[in-house]
Amino acid sequence: MIEFTGYLTGAAKRAYYRRVVKYLRNTFLVAAGLVFPFVLLFALRVQMWGILIGYSFIILAIIFSPYLQIKADKNKYVPKRICIQDGILLSVADQATESKSIDEVKSVFDYGEFYVILFPFGKYSEKFVCQKDLLTKGTLEEFEALFEGKIIRKIKTS
């Protein structure tokens, strides 16, 4: 069993929030992009250009809204425990729990202070950011052996 316990801090927390914002922004932009041709056709049909202007403001709101999240709500979904046992990855936060199979892992990025576990398209999850100094059970060597061949070092060298 390998377990990381505690809330993310520093670079790991910033990386987690960047992943969440990127995921939300991309999801909403894809949805907005799929709807855009219909909005354009409707605006051309009724010749109401205000519809396009309003839609443009909606797209801008989609781009910037993930950054406006209230500070008090931010920790609700931040993982406070990530556990790996019997081939299952489990991420537990105050308001959400998510589990994945180890077989689904596409790659693991090692950023020095933390790992980011990545999954293929369709099984995406931003919840698996493991800060190394939060390791409470197991060792980093056991963690790396578990994902041997999938670890990609992203450590910057000066």
Protein backbone atom coordinates (compact mmCIF):
# COMPACT_ATOMS: atom_id res chain seq x y z
CA MET A 1 0.00 0.00 0.00
CA ILE A 2 1.19 3.47 -0.91
CA GLU A 3 -0.53 6.48 0.59
CA PHE A 4 -0.12 10.25 0.34
CA THR A 5 -1.97 12.05 3.14
CA GLY A 6 -2.51 15.79 3.56
CA TYR A 7 -3.49 18.76 1.43
CA LEU A 8 -1.27 19.81 -1.45
CA THR A 9 0.97 22.83 -0.91
CA GLY A 10 3.35 24.97 -2.97
CA ALA A 11 4.16 23.86 -6.51
CA ALA A 12 1.96 20.75 -6.30
CA LYS A 13 -1.09 22.82 -5.35
CA ARG A 14 -0.43 25.33 -8.13
CA ALA A 15 -0.05 22.48 -10.64
CA TYR A 16 -3.31 20.95 -9.44
CA TYR A 17 -5.21 24.24 -9.87
CA ARG A 18 -3.68 24.77 -13.34
CA ARG A 19 -4.88 21.29 -14.34
CA VAL A 20 -8.41 21.97 -13.05
CA VAL A 21 -8.64 25.36 -14.79
CA LYS A 22 -7.31 23.94 -18.06
CA TYR A 23 -9.76 21.04 -17.93
CA LEU A 24 -12.78 23.25 -17.19
CA ARG A 25 -11.83 25.86 -19.77
CA ASN A 26 -11.24 23.29 -22.52
CA THR A 27 -14.45 21.42 -21.76
CA PHE A 28 -16.58 24.56 -21.91
CA LEU A 29 -14.80 25.90 -25.00
CA VAL A 30 -15.41 22.66 -26.89
CA ALA A 31 -19.09 22.84 -25.96
CA ALA A 32 -19.25 26.52 -26.98
CA GLY A 33 -17.50 25.69 -30.26
CA LEU A 34 -20.04 22.99 -31.05
CA VAL A 35 -22.93 25.37 -30.46
CA PHE A 36 -21.35 28.34 -32.32
CA PRO A 37 -22.43 27.35 -35.89
CA PHE A 38 -26.06 27.21 -34.76
CA VAL A 39 -25.81 30.58 -33.03
CA LEU A 40 -24.18 32.07 -36.13
CA LEU A 41 -26.85 30.68 -38.45
CA PHE A 42 -29.61 31.93 -36.16
CA ALA A 43 -28.04 35.41 -35.92
CA LEU A 44 -27.68 35.58 -39.71
CA ARG A 45 -31.26 34.38 -40.21
CA VAL A 46 -32.84 36.96 -37.89
CA GLN A 47 -30.15 39.60 -38.56
CA MET A 48 -29.59 40.29 -34.88
CA TRP A 49 -25.88 40.93 -34.43
CA GLY A 50 -26.36 41.43 -30.70
CA ILE A 51 -26.71 37.66 -30.42
CA LEU A 52 -23.14 37.22 -31.70
CA ILE A 53 -21.85 39.92 -29.37
CA GLY A 54 -23.62 38.28 -26.42
CA TYR A 55 -22.23 34.89 -27.40
CA SER A 56 -18.74 36.41 -27.55
CA PHE A 57 -19.16 37.66 -23.97
CA ILE A 58 -20.28 34.17 -22.91
CA ILE A 59 -17.12 32.68 -24.43
CA LEU A 60 -14.97 35.26 -22.61
CA ALA A 61 -16.76 34.41 -19.37
CA ILE A 62 -16.04 30.72 -19.97
CA ILE A 63 -12.35 31.46 -20.46
CA PHE A 64 -11.97 33.53 -17.28
CA SER A 65 -14.58 32.06 -14.90
CA PRO A 66 -12.44 29.18 -13.55
CA TYR A 67 -10.01 31.79 -12.18
CA LEU A 68 -12.78 33.50 -10.20
CA GLN A 69 -13.54 30.58 -7.88
CA ILE A 70 -14.07 31.62 -4.27
CA LYS A 71 -11.08 30.82 -2.05
CA ALA A 72 -13.20 29.09 0.58
CA ASP A 73 -14.46 26.58 -1.97
CA LYS A 74 -11.07 25.75 -3.44
CA ASN A 75 -10.10 23.07 -0.91
CA LYS A 76 -13.38 21.16 -1.25
CA TYR A 77 -12.10 19.23 -4.25
CA VAL A 78 -8.35 19.22 -3.61
CA PRO A 79 -7.19 15.68 -2.87
CA LYS A 80 -6.31 15.18 0.79
CA ARG A 81 -5.54 11.47 0.48
CA ILE A 82 -4.31 9.43 -2.47
CA CYS A 83 -4.03 5.72 -1.88
CA ILE A 84 -2.74 2.94 -4.13
CA GLN A 85 -3.71 -0.57 -3.12
CA ASP A 86 -4.58 -3.82 -4.92
CA GLY A 87 -4.28 -2.22 -8.37
CA ILE A 88 -6.63 0.66 -7.53
CA LEU A 89 -5.81 4.36 -7.27
CA LEU A 90 -8.11 6.23 -4.90
CA SER A 91 -8.29 10.01 -4.52
CA VAL A 92 -10.25 11.39 -1.58
CA ALA A 93 -11.20 15.06 -1.12
CA ASP A 94 -13.70 16.76 1.20
CA GLN A 95 -16.45 16.76 -1.45
CA ALA A 96 -15.36 14.12 -3.96
CA THR A 97 -13.85 10.66 -4.20
CA GLU A 98 -12.53 9.10 -7.39
CA SER A 99 -10.99 5.74 -8.15
CA LYS A 100 -9.13 4.42 -11.18
CA SER A 101 -7.37 1.21 -12.07
CA ILE A 102 -3.57 1.24 -12.25
CA ASP A 103 -3.93 -0.40 -15.67
CA GLU A 104 -5.57 2.81 -16.96
CA VAL A 105 -2.50 4.95 -16.18
CA LYS A 106 -0.97 6.36 -19.36
CA SER A 107 2.07 8.03 -17.79
CA VAL A 108 3.38 9.59 -14.61
CA PHE A 109 5.18 12.94 -14.73
CA ASP A 110 7.82 13.49 -12.06
CA TYR A 111 8.21 17.22 -11.34
CA GLY A 112 10.71 16.77 -8.52
CA GLU A 113 8.43 17.76 -5.61
CA PHE A 114 5.40 15.87 -6.87
CA TYR A 115 4.04 13.36 -9.37
CA VAL A 116 1.13 13.88 -11.76
CA ILE A 117 -0.61 10.68 -12.82
CA LEU A 118 -2.09 10.95 -16.33
CA PHE A 119 -4.83 8.89 -17.93
CA PRO A 120 -5.80 8.53 -21.60
CA PHE A 121 -8.46 10.63 -23.32
CA GLY A 122 -11.91 9.69 -22.07
CA LYS A 123 -10.64 8.66 -18.64
CA TYR A 124 -9.08 11.99 -17.71
CA SER A 125 -8.77 12.98 -14.08
CA GLU A 126 -6.99 15.96 -12.55
CA LYS A 127 -7.29 14.48 -9.06
CA PHE A 128 -4.10 12.42 -8.99
CA VAL A 129 -1.35 14.86 -8.01
CA CYS A 130 0.91 13.19 -5.43
CA GLN A 131 3.17 15.48 -3.40
CA LYS A 132 6.27 13.52 -2.41
CA ASP A 133 6.61 14.92 1.11
CA LEU A 134 3.02 13.83 1.91
CA LEU A 135 3.94 10.15 1.53
CA THR A 136 2.84 8.40 4.75
CA LYS A 137 2.82 4.72 3.75
CA GLY A 138 5.21 3.01 1.40
CA THR A 139 8.26 4.51 -0.26
CA LEU A 140 8.96 6.55 -3.37
CA GLU A 141 10.92 3.57 -4.71
CA GLU A 142 7.79 1.37 -4.39
CA PHE A 143 5.75 4.07 -6.13
CA GLU A 144 8.21 4.32 -9.01
CA ALA A 145 8.46 0.53 -9.30
CA LEU A 146 4.68 0.38 -9.61
CA PHE A 147 4.76 2.70 -12.62
CA GLU A 148 8.04 1.52 -14.12
CA GLY A 149 8.31 2.47 -17.79
CA LYS A 150 5.58 5.10 -17.45
CA ILE A 151 7.50 7.71 -15.45
CA ILE A 152 8.65 10.77 -17.37
CA ARG A 153 11.01 13.12 -15.54
CA LYS A 154 10.04 16.77 -15.94
CA ILE A 155 12.57 18.13 -13.47
CA LYS A 156 14.16 21.35 -14.69
CA THR A 157 17.95 21.43 -14.51
CA SER A 158 19.71 24.78 -14.20
